[in-house]
């Protein structure tokens, strides 16, 4: 049943997500969340101040949306088939393509020290992740 197939009445049904799919996505989500928390503690500010941190947060939001859709809304593998490559691409781009200078956490400029700006960027990045999966 993990690969779909025909039902008893001959209708074709979509493949369903297995526990392995959810486990891998959950582990990736937990790893990304841990990375963001470590980055937050290390830098002393919420980790959305540069492109590297934003792409890591985008990957986390994509996997979060995937987990929600797969476990609560649809038992299909379609959200994972869309989300996993998108999250991997964002994470690979942040890790492999950005130079080390852009991956380092730095001090915030005064304009970025606003709580409103942090909330705005968080909601916008999470909505980008939702849009990418949807």
C-alpha atoms as a PDB file:
ATOM      1  CA  UNK A   1       0.000   0.000   0.000  1.00  0.00           C
ATOM      2  CA  UNK A   2       3.007   2.288   0.310  1.00  0.00           C
ATOM      3  CA  UNK A   3       3.139   2.607  -3.474  1.00  0.00           C
ATOM      4  CA  UNK A   4      -0.581   2.990  -4.039  1.00  0.00           C
ATOM      5  CA  UNK A   5      -2.509   0.696  -6.280  1.00  0.00           C
ATOM      6  CA  UNK A   6      -6.030  -0.321  -7.052  1.00  0.00           C
ATOM      7  CA  UNK A   7      -8.788  -0.450  -4.477  1.00  0.00           C
ATOM      8  CA  UNK A   8     -11.286  -3.307  -4.232  1.00  0.00           C
ATOM      9  CA  UNK A   9     -13.653  -1.541  -6.630  1.00  0.00           C
ATOM     10  CA  UNK A  10     -10.919  -0.994  -9.232  1.00  0.00           C
ATOM     11  CA  UNK A  11     -10.302   2.706  -8.566  1.00  0.00           C
ATOM     12  CA  UNK A  12      -6.756   3.966  -8.539  1.00  0.00           C
ATOM     13  CA  UNK A  13      -5.666   5.645  -5.307  1.00  0.00           C
ATOM     14  CA  UNK A  14      -2.706   7.853  -4.515  1.00  0.00           C
ATOM     15  CA  UNK A  15       0.223   6.360  -2.627  1.00  0.00           C
ATOM     16  CA  UNK A  16       0.038   6.967   1.103  1.00  0.00           C
ATOM     17  CA  UNK A  17       2.801   8.294   3.288  1.00  0.00           C
ATOM     18  CA  UNK A  18       4.481   5.676   5.423  1.00  0.00           C
ATOM     19  CA  UNK A  19       5.954   5.925   8.882  1.00  0.00           C
ATOM     20  CA  UNK A  20       9.403   6.043   7.287  1.00  0.00           C
ATOM     21  CA  UNK A  21       8.436   9.102   5.221  1.00  0.00           C
ATOM     22  CA  UNK A  22       7.133  10.900   8.282  1.00  0.00           C
ATOM     23  CA  UNK A  23      10.096   9.785  10.381  1.00  0.00           C
ATOM     24  CA  UNK A  24      12.669  11.094   7.911  1.00  0.00           C
ATOM     25  CA  UNK A  25      10.804  14.380   7.488  1.00  0.00           C
ATOM     26  CA  UNK A  26      10.423  14.693  11.266  1.00  0.00           C
ATOM     27  CA  UNK A  27      14.123  14.030  11.823  1.00  0.00           C
ATOM     28  CA  UNK A  28      15.061  16.623   9.196  1.00  0.00           C
ATOM     29  CA  UNK A  29      12.681  19.112  10.788  1.00  0.00           C
ATOM     30  CA  UNK A  30      14.099  18.485  14.272  1.00  0.00           C
ATOM     31  CA  UNK A  31      17.664  18.795  12.974  1.00  0.00           C
ATOM     32  CA  UNK A  32      16.902  22.108  11.257  1.00  0.00           C
ATOM     33  CA  UNK A  33      15.110  23.409  14.360  1.00  0.00           C
ATOM     34  CA  UNK A  34      18.109  22.423  16.480  1.00  0.00           C
ATOM     35  CA  UNK A  35      20.438  24.176  14.051  1.00  0.00           C
ATOM     36  CA  UNK A  36      18.349  27.340  14.285  1.00  0.00           C
ATOM     37  CA  UNK A  37      18.300  27.193  18.097  1.00  0.00           C
ATOM     38  CA  UNK A  38      22.075  26.690  18.272  1.00  0.00           C
ATOM     39  CA  UNK A  39      22.542  29.568  15.849  1.00  0.00           C
ATOM     40  CA  UNK A  40      20.215  31.738  17.983  1.00  0.00           C
ATOM     41  CA  UNK A  41      22.118  30.962  21.189  1.00  0.00           C
ATOM     42  CA  UNK A  42      25.481  31.444  19.492  1.00  0.00           C
ATOM     43  CA  UNK A  43      24.652  34.787  17.869  1.00  0.00           C
ATOM     44  CA  UNK A  44      22.397  36.180  20.592  1.00  0.00           C
ATOM     45  CA  UNK A  45      19.636  37.152  18.162  1.00  0.00           C
ATOM     46  CA  UNK A  46      16.894  35.421  16.210  1.00  0.00           C
ATOM     47  CA  UNK A  47      18.516  33.661  13.236  1.00  0.00           C
ATOM     48  CA  UNK A  48      17.012  35.528  10.299  1.00  0.00           C
ATOM     49  CA  UNK A  49      19.552  38.283   9.818  1.00  0.00           C
ATOM     50  CA  UNK A  50      21.404  37.001   6.751  1.00  0.00           C
ATOM     51  CA  UNK A  51      20.802  34.871   3.666  1.00  0.00           C
ATOM     52  CA  UNK A  52      22.248  31.695   5.196  1.00  0.00           C
ATOM     53  CA  UNK A  53      19.972  31.832   8.233  1.00  0.00           C
ATOM     54  CA  UNK A  54      16.975  32.753   6.089  1.00  0.00           C
ATOM     55  CA  UNK A  55      17.502  29.747   3.819  1.00  0.00           C
ATOM     56  CA  UNK A  56      17.869  27.424   6.821  1.00  0.00           C
ATOM     57  CA  UNK A  57      14.638  28.848   8.244  1.00  0.00           C
ATOM     58  CA  UNK A  58      12.964  28.393   4.853  1.00  0.00           C
ATOM     59  CA  UNK A  59      14.020  24.732   4.811  1.00  0.00           C
ATOM     60  CA  UNK A  60      12.625  24.280   8.313  1.00  0.00           C
ATOM     61  CA  UNK A  61       9.340  25.929   7.378  1.00  0.00           C
ATOM     62  CA  UNK A  62       9.010  23.741   4.261  1.00  0.00           C
ATOM     63  CA  UNK A  63       9.498  20.563   6.305  1.00  0.00           C
ATOM     64  CA  UNK A  64       7.071  21.840   8.962  1.00  0.00           C
ATOM     65  CA  UNK A  65       4.371  22.436   6.384  1.00  0.00           C
ATOM     66  CA  UNK A  66       5.071  19.031   4.853  1.00  0.00           C
ATOM     67  CA  UNK A  67       4.707  17.309   8.220  1.00  0.00           C
ATOM     68  CA  UNK A  68       1.456  19.127   8.946  1.00  0.00           C
ATOM     69  CA  UNK A  69      -0.071  18.394   5.558  1.00  0.00           C
ATOM     70  CA  UNK A  70       1.008  14.759   5.551  1.00  0.00           C
ATOM     71  CA  UNK A  71      -0.107  13.972   9.085  1.00  0.00           C
ATOM     72  CA  UNK A  72      -3.229  16.127   9.482  1.00  0.00           C
ATOM     73  CA  UNK A  73      -4.660  16.935   6.074  1.00  0.00           C
ATOM     74  CA  UNK A  74      -3.675  14.313   3.534  1.00  0.00           C
ATOM     75  CA  UNK A  75      -2.059  10.927   3.974  1.00  0.00           C
ATOM     76  CA  UNK A  76      -0.649  11.232   0.448  1.00  0.00           C
ATOM     77  CA  UNK A  77       3.047  11.294  -0.441  1.00  0.00           C
ATOM     78  CA  UNK A  78       2.497  14.309  -2.697  1.00  0.00           C
ATOM     79  CA  UNK A  79       3.387  16.960  -0.070  1.00  0.00           C
ATOM     80  CA  UNK A  80       6.629  15.117   0.652  1.00  0.00           C
ATOM     81  CA  UNK A  81       7.413  14.674  -3.032  1.00  0.00           C
ATOM     82  CA  UNK A  82       7.166  18.441  -3.472  1.00  0.00           C
ATOM     83  CA  UNK A  83       8.609  19.573  -0.156  1.00  0.00           C
ATOM     84  CA  UNK A  84      11.649  17.334   0.233  1.00  0.00           C
ATOM     85  CA  UNK A  85      13.415  18.489  -2.949  1.00  0.00           C
ATOM     86  CA  UNK A  86      12.539  22.135  -2.235  1.00  0.00           C
ATOM     87  CA  UNK A  87      13.896  21.969   1.317  1.00  0.00           C
ATOM     88  CA  UNK A  88      16.974  20.089   0.158  1.00  0.00           C
ATOM     89  CA  UNK A  89      17.621  22.635  -2.580  1.00  0.00           C
ATOM     90  CA  UNK A  90      17.350  25.566  -0.158  1.00  0.00           C
ATOM     91  CA  UNK A  91      19.590  23.831   2.377  1.00  0.00           C
ATOM     92  CA  UNK A  92      22.155  22.796  -0.235  1.00  0.00           C
ATOM     93  CA  UNK A  93      22.212  26.297  -1.653  1.00  0.00           C
ATOM     94  CA  UNK A  94      22.805  27.796   1.764  1.00  0.00           C
ATOM     95  CA  UNK A  95      25.497  25.307   2.703  1.00  0.00           C
ATOM     96  CA  UNK A  96      27.347  24.692  -0.549  1.00  0.00           C
ATOM     97  CA  UNK A  97      26.949  27.840  -2.636  1.00  0.00           C
ATOM     98  CA  UNK A  98      27.254  30.669  -0.137  1.00  0.00           C
ATOM     99  CA  UNK A  99      30.790  31.726   0.738  1.00  0.00           C
ATOM    100  CA  UNK A 100      31.880  31.266   4.379  1.00  0.00           C
ATOM    101  CA  UNK A 101      31.705  35.025   4.997  1.00  0.00           C
ATOM    102  CA  UNK A 102      27.967  34.961   4.328  1.00  0.00           C
ATOM    103  CA  UNK A 103      27.444  31.905   6.538  1.00  0.00           C
ATOM    104  CA  UNK A 104      28.892  33.534   9.653  1.00  0.00           C
ATOM    105  CA  UNK A 105      26.589  35.079  12.218  1.00  0.00           C
ATOM    106  CA  UNK A 106      27.350  38.732  12.801  1.00  0.00           C
ATOM    107  CA  UNK A 107      26.123  41.540  14.960  1.00  0.00           C
ATOM    108  CA  UNK A 108      22.785  43.026  14.011  1.00  0.00           C
ATOM    109  CA  UNK A 109      22.636  46.491  12.543  1.00  0.00           C
ATOM    110  CA  UNK A 110      20.361  48.794  14.575  1.00  0.00           C
ATOM    111  CA  UNK A 111      17.586  48.680  11.943  1.00  0.00           C
ATOM    112  CA  UNK A 112      17.225  44.900  12.441  1.00  0.00           C
ATOM    113  CA  UNK A 113      16.844  45.031  16.226  1.00  0.00           C
ATOM    114  CA  UNK A 114      13.099  45.653  16.092  1.00  0.00           C
ATOM    115  CA  UNK A 115      10.746  42.937  17.368  1.00  0.00           C
ATOM    116  CA  UNK A 116       8.235  43.909  14.686  1.00  0.00           C
ATOM    117  CA  UNK A 117      10.790  43.269  11.981  1.00  0.00           C
ATOM    118  CA  UNK A 118      11.598  39.846  13.446  1.00  0.00           C
ATOM    119  CA  UNK A 119       7.897  38.918  13.504  1.00  0.00           C
ATOM    120  CA  UNK A 120       7.417  40.195   9.969  1.00  0.00           C
ATOM    121  CA  UNK A 121      10.380  38.246   8.567  1.00  0.00           C
ATOM    122  CA  UNK A 122       9.368  35.072  10.433  1.00  0.00           C
ATOM    123  CA  UNK A 123       5.811  35.165   9.112  1.00  0.00           C
ATOM    124  CA  UNK A 124       6.956  35.999   5.580  1.00  0.00           C
ATOM    125  CA  UNK A 125       9.561  33.208   5.473  1.00  0.00           C
ATOM    126  CA  UNK A 126       7.043  30.710   6.860  1.00  0.00           C
ATOM    127  CA  UNK A 127       4.510  31.810   4.250  1.00  0.00           C
ATOM    128  CA  UNK A 128       7.141  31.323   1.529  1.00  0.00           C
ATOM    129  CA  UNK A 129       7.612  27.764   2.783  1.00  0.00           C
ATOM    130  CA  UNK A 130       3.857  27.210   2.727  1.00  0.00           C
ATOM    131  CA  UNK A 131       3.626  28.626  -0.775  1.00  0.00           C
ATOM    132  CA  UNK A 132       6.445  26.384  -2.008  1.00  0.00           C
ATOM    133  CA  UNK A 133       4.711  23.244  -0.720  1.00  0.00           C
ATOM    134  CA  UNK A 134       1.219  24.338  -1.756  1.00  0.00           C
END
